[in-house]
C-alpha atoms as a PDB file:
ATOM      1  CA  MET A   1       7.695-111.676  64.245  1.00  0.00           C
ATOM      2  CA  GLU A   2      10.667-113.837  65.137  1.00  0.00           C
ATOM      3  CA  ALA A   3      13.930-112.635  66.671  1.00  0.00           C
ATOM      4  CA  HIS A   4      15.746-113.760  63.509  1.00  0.00           C
ATOM      5  CA  ASP A   5      13.643-111.379  61.373  1.00  0.00           C
ATOM      6  CA  VAL A   6      14.365-108.481  63.708  1.00  0.00           C
ATOM      7  CA  LEU A   7      18.080-109.249  63.593  1.00  0.00           C
ATOM      8  CA  LEU A   8      18.018-109.221  59.773  1.00  0.00           C
ATOM      9  CA  ALA A   9      16.260-105.843  59.750  1.00  0.00           C
ATOM     10  CA  LEU A  10      18.583-104.285  62.307  1.00  0.00           C
ATOM     11  CA  ALA A  11      21.661-105.671  60.549  1.00  0.00           C
ATOM     12  CA  ALA A  12      20.444-104.227  57.247  1.00  0.00           C
ATOM     13  CA  LEU A  13      20.023-100.798  58.848  1.00  0.00           C
ATOM     14  CA  ALA A  14      23.362-101.000  60.666  1.00  0.00           C
ATOM     15  CA  GLN A  15      25.219 -99.609  57.644  1.00  0.00           C
ATOM     16  CA  SER A  16      25.178 -95.879  56.900  1.00  0.00           C
ATOM     17  CA  THR A  17      24.227 -95.999  53.212  1.00  0.00           C
ATOM     18  CA  ARG A  18      21.409 -98.470  53.791  1.00  0.00           C
ATOM     19  CA  LEU A  19      20.122 -96.388  56.680  1.00  0.00           C
ATOM     20  CA  ASP A  20      20.193 -93.319  54.399  1.00  0.00           C
ATOM     21  CA  VAL A  21      18.343 -95.258  51.686  1.00  0.00           C
ATOM     22  CA  PHE A  22      15.652 -96.384  54.092  1.00  0.00           C
ATOM     23  CA  ARG A  23      15.171 -92.891  55.519  1.00  0.00           C
ATOM     24  CA  LEU A  24      14.985 -91.440  51.996  1.00  0.00           C
ATOM     25  CA  LEU A  25      12.347 -93.983  51.008  1.00  0.00           C
ATOM     26  CA  VAL A  26      10.335 -93.205  54.150  1.00  0.00           C
ATOM     27  CA  LYS A  27      10.333 -89.537  53.108  1.00  0.00           C
ATOM     28  CA  HIS A  28       8.999 -90.521  49.696  1.00  0.00           C
ATOM     29  CA  GLU A  29       6.121 -92.693  50.875  1.00  0.00           C
ATOM     30  CA  PRO A  30       3.780 -93.669  49.376  1.00  0.00           C
ATOM     31  CA  GLU A  31       5.096 -92.902  45.872  1.00  0.00           C
ATOM     32  CA  GLY A  32       8.516 -94.503  46.271  1.00  0.00           C
ATOM     33  CA  LEU A  33      11.554 -93.801  44.115  1.00  0.00           C
ATOM     34  CA  PRO A  34      13.218 -95.451  41.139  1.00  0.00           C
ATOM     35  CA  ALA A  35      16.526 -97.128  41.948  1.00  0.00           C
ATOM     36  CA  GLY A  36      18.437 -94.679  39.759  1.00  0.00           C
ATOM     37  CA  ASP A  37      16.994 -91.676  41.593  1.00  0.00           C
ATOM     38  CA  ILE A  38      17.976 -93.186  44.939  1.00  0.00           C
ATOM     39  CA  ALA A  39      21.539 -93.721  43.698  1.00  0.00           C
ATOM     40  CA  ARG A  40      21.763 -90.155  42.341  1.00  0.00           C
ATOM     41  CA  GLU A  41      20.245 -88.589  45.443  1.00  0.00           C
ATOM     42  CA  LEU A  42      22.743 -90.336  47.701  1.00  0.00           C
ATOM     43  CA  ALA A  43      25.685 -90.127  45.256  1.00  0.00           C
ATOM     44  CA  VAL A  44      26.208 -93.897  45.288  1.00  0.00           C
ATOM     45  CA  PRO A  45      27.219 -95.881  42.174  1.00  0.00           C
ATOM     46  CA  HIS A  46      24.292 -97.789  40.668  1.00  0.00           C
ATOM     47  CA  ASN A  47      25.839-101.237  41.140  1.00  0.00           C
ATOM     48  CA  THR A  48      26.611-100.487  44.794  1.00  0.00           C
ATOM     49  CA  MET A  49      23.075 -99.181  45.299  1.00  0.00           C
ATOM     50  CA  SER A  50      21.715-102.376  43.790  1.00  0.00           C
ATOM     51  CA  SER A  51      23.543-104.388  46.466  1.00  0.00           C
ATOM     52  CA  HIS A  52      22.231-102.162  49.246  1.00  0.00           C
ATOM     53  CA  LEU A  53      18.659-102.382  47.943  1.00  0.00           C
ATOM     54  CA  GLY A  54      18.998-106.162  47.745  1.00  0.00           C
ATOM     55  CA  ILE A  55      20.017-106.379  51.393  1.00  0.00           C
ATOM     56  CA  LEU A  56      17.139-104.111  52.454  1.00  0.00           C
ATOM     57  CA  SER A  57      14.754-106.196  50.331  1.00  0.00           C
ATOM     58  CA  ARG A  58      15.927-109.482  51.860  1.00  0.00           C
ATOM     59  CA  ALA A  59      15.337-107.947  55.289  1.00  0.00           C
ATOM     60  CA  ALA A  60      11.808-107.071  54.068  1.00  0.00           C
ATOM     61  CA  LEU A  61      12.346-103.376  54.814  1.00  0.00           C
ATOM     62  CA  VAL A  62      11.785-102.295  51.221  1.00  0.00           C
ATOM     63  CA  ARG A  63       9.485-103.510  48.475  1.00  0.00           C
ATOM     64  CA  SER A  64       9.929-103.059  44.771  1.00  0.00           C
ATOM     65  CA  GLU A  65       7.654-103.053  41.767  1.00  0.00           C
ATOM     66  CA  ARG A  66       8.346-102.690  38.093  1.00  0.00           C
ATOM     67  CA  ARG A  67       6.740 -99.708  36.399  1.00  0.00           C
ATOM     68  CA  SER A  68       7.508 -99.665  32.723  1.00  0.00           C
ATOM     69  CA  ARG A  69      11.309 -99.713  32.509  1.00  0.00           C
ATOM     70  CA  SER A  70      11.912 -98.588  36.101  1.00  0.00           C
ATOM     71  CA  ILE A  71      11.926-100.462  39.373  1.00  0.00           C
ATOM     72  CA  ILE A  72      10.276 -98.380  42.076  1.00  0.00           C
ATOM     73  CA  TYR A  73      11.358 -98.971  45.658  1.00  0.00           C
ATOM     74  CA  ARG A  74       9.223 -98.198  48.692  1.00  0.00           C
ATOM     75  CA  ALA A  75       9.859 -98.448  52.408  1.00  0.00           C
ATOM     76  CA  ASP A  76       7.791-101.190  54.007  1.00  0.00           C
ATOM     77  CA  LEU A  77       6.388 -99.228  56.929  1.00  0.00           C
ATOM     78  CA  ASP A  78       4.381-102.218  58.153  1.00  0.00           C
ATOM     79  CA  ARG A  79       7.614-104.173  58.531  1.00  0.00           C
ATOM     80  CA  LEU A  80       9.224-101.258  60.384  1.00  0.00           C
ATOM     81  CA  ARG A  81       6.210-101.189  62.722  1.00  0.00           C
ATOM     82  CA  GLU A  82       6.618-104.925  63.352  1.00  0.00           C
ATOM     83  CA  VAL A  83      10.310-104.498  64.200  1.00  0.00           C
ATOM     84  CA  VAL A  84       9.669-101.595  66.571  1.00  0.00           C
ATOM     85  CA  THR A  85       6.722-103.403  68.161  1.00  0.00           C
ATOM     86  CA  PHE A  86       8.897-106.485  68.719  1.00  0.00           C
ATOM     87  CA  LEU A  87      11.511-104.332  70.448  1.00  0.00           C
ATOM     88  CA  LEU A  88       8.990-102.535  72.647  1.00  0.00           C
ATOM     89  CA  LYS A  89       6.548-105.373  73.358  1.00  0.00           C
ATOM     90  CA  ASP A  90       7.885-106.106  76.824  1.00  0.00           C
ATOM     91  CA  CYS A  91       9.272-102.625  77.427  1.00  0.00           C
ATOM     92  CA  CYS A  92       7.317-101.538  80.454  1.00  0.00           C
ATOM     93  CA  GLY A  93       7.046-104.789  82.402  1.00  0.00           C
ATOM     94  CA  GLY A  94       3.508-103.933  83.463  1.00  0.00           C
ATOM     95  CA  HIS A  95       4.346-100.301  84.248  1.00  0.00           C
ATOM     96  CA  PRO A  96       3.043 -98.183  81.332  1.00  0.00           C
ATOM     97  CA  GLY A  97       4.550 -95.000  82.762  1.00  0.00           C
ATOM     98  CA  VAL A  98       8.030 -96.346  82.102  1.00  0.00           C
ATOM     99  CA  CYS A  99       7.453 -96.473  78.334  1.00  0.00           C
ATOM    100  CA  ALA A 100       5.148 -93.447  78.025  1.00  0.00           C
ATOM    101  CA  PRO A 101       7.929 -91.006  76.992  1.00  0.00           C
ATOM    102  CA  LEU A 102       9.164 -93.449  74.348  1.00  0.00           C
ATOM    103  CA  ILE A 103       5.676 -94.059  72.993  1.00  0.00           C
ATOM    104  CA  ASP A 104       5.050 -90.295  72.877  1.00  0.00           C
ATOM    105  CA  ALA A 105       8.270 -89.830  70.889  1.00  0.00           C
ATOM    106  CA  LEU A 106       7.026 -92.387  68.359  1.00  0.00           C
ATOM    107  CA  ALA A 107       3.817 -90.434  67.720  1.00  0.00           C
ATOM    108  CA  PRO A 108       3.405 -89.478  64.062  1.00  0.00           C
ATOM    109  CA  CYS A 109       5.496 -86.517  63.028  1.00  0.00           C
ATOM    110  CA  CYS A 110       3.065 -85.478  60.316  1.00  0.00           C
ATOM    111  CA  ALA A 111      -0.424 -84.082  60.687  1.00  0.00           C
ATOM    112  CA  PRO A 112      -3.125 -86.459  59.434  1.00  0.00           C
ATOM    113  CA  LYS A 113      -4.141 -85.805  55.823  1.00  0.00           C
ATOM    114  CA  GLU A 114      -7.644 -84.657  56.787  1.00  0.00           C
ATOM    115  CA  ALA A 115      -6.123 -82.021  59.101  1.00  0.00           C
ATOM    116  CA  LEU A 116      -4.056 -80.705  56.205  1.00  0.00           C
ATOM    117  CA  ASP A 117      -7.055 -80.610  53.844  1.00  0.00           C
ATOM    118  CA  GLY A 118      -9.397 -78.922  56.360  1.00  0.00           C
END
């Protein structure tokens, strides 16, 4: 990942509505949400939401696919991982203990599916 790509992603998330959109889409992984549902959920006009989704798409933070007459948007969690990895790559300068608390905080917040099923 290049610094330019990280800057695009961070700039896209540096606006409150787009940050809310991304967080909402993360909550709805892996199913995603139709654009209209996102706009309704966040009480944002459809045309404004379209602009926000376009910016997030250009930053490669969201993906879209057409299903029938709807466009379903999903958070691109792989891209988010790449951005966070880029930011943390040189974090500890050879001293893993420095980054350990940060890495622990990034541990998954959800139990693995097999733990839920068992």
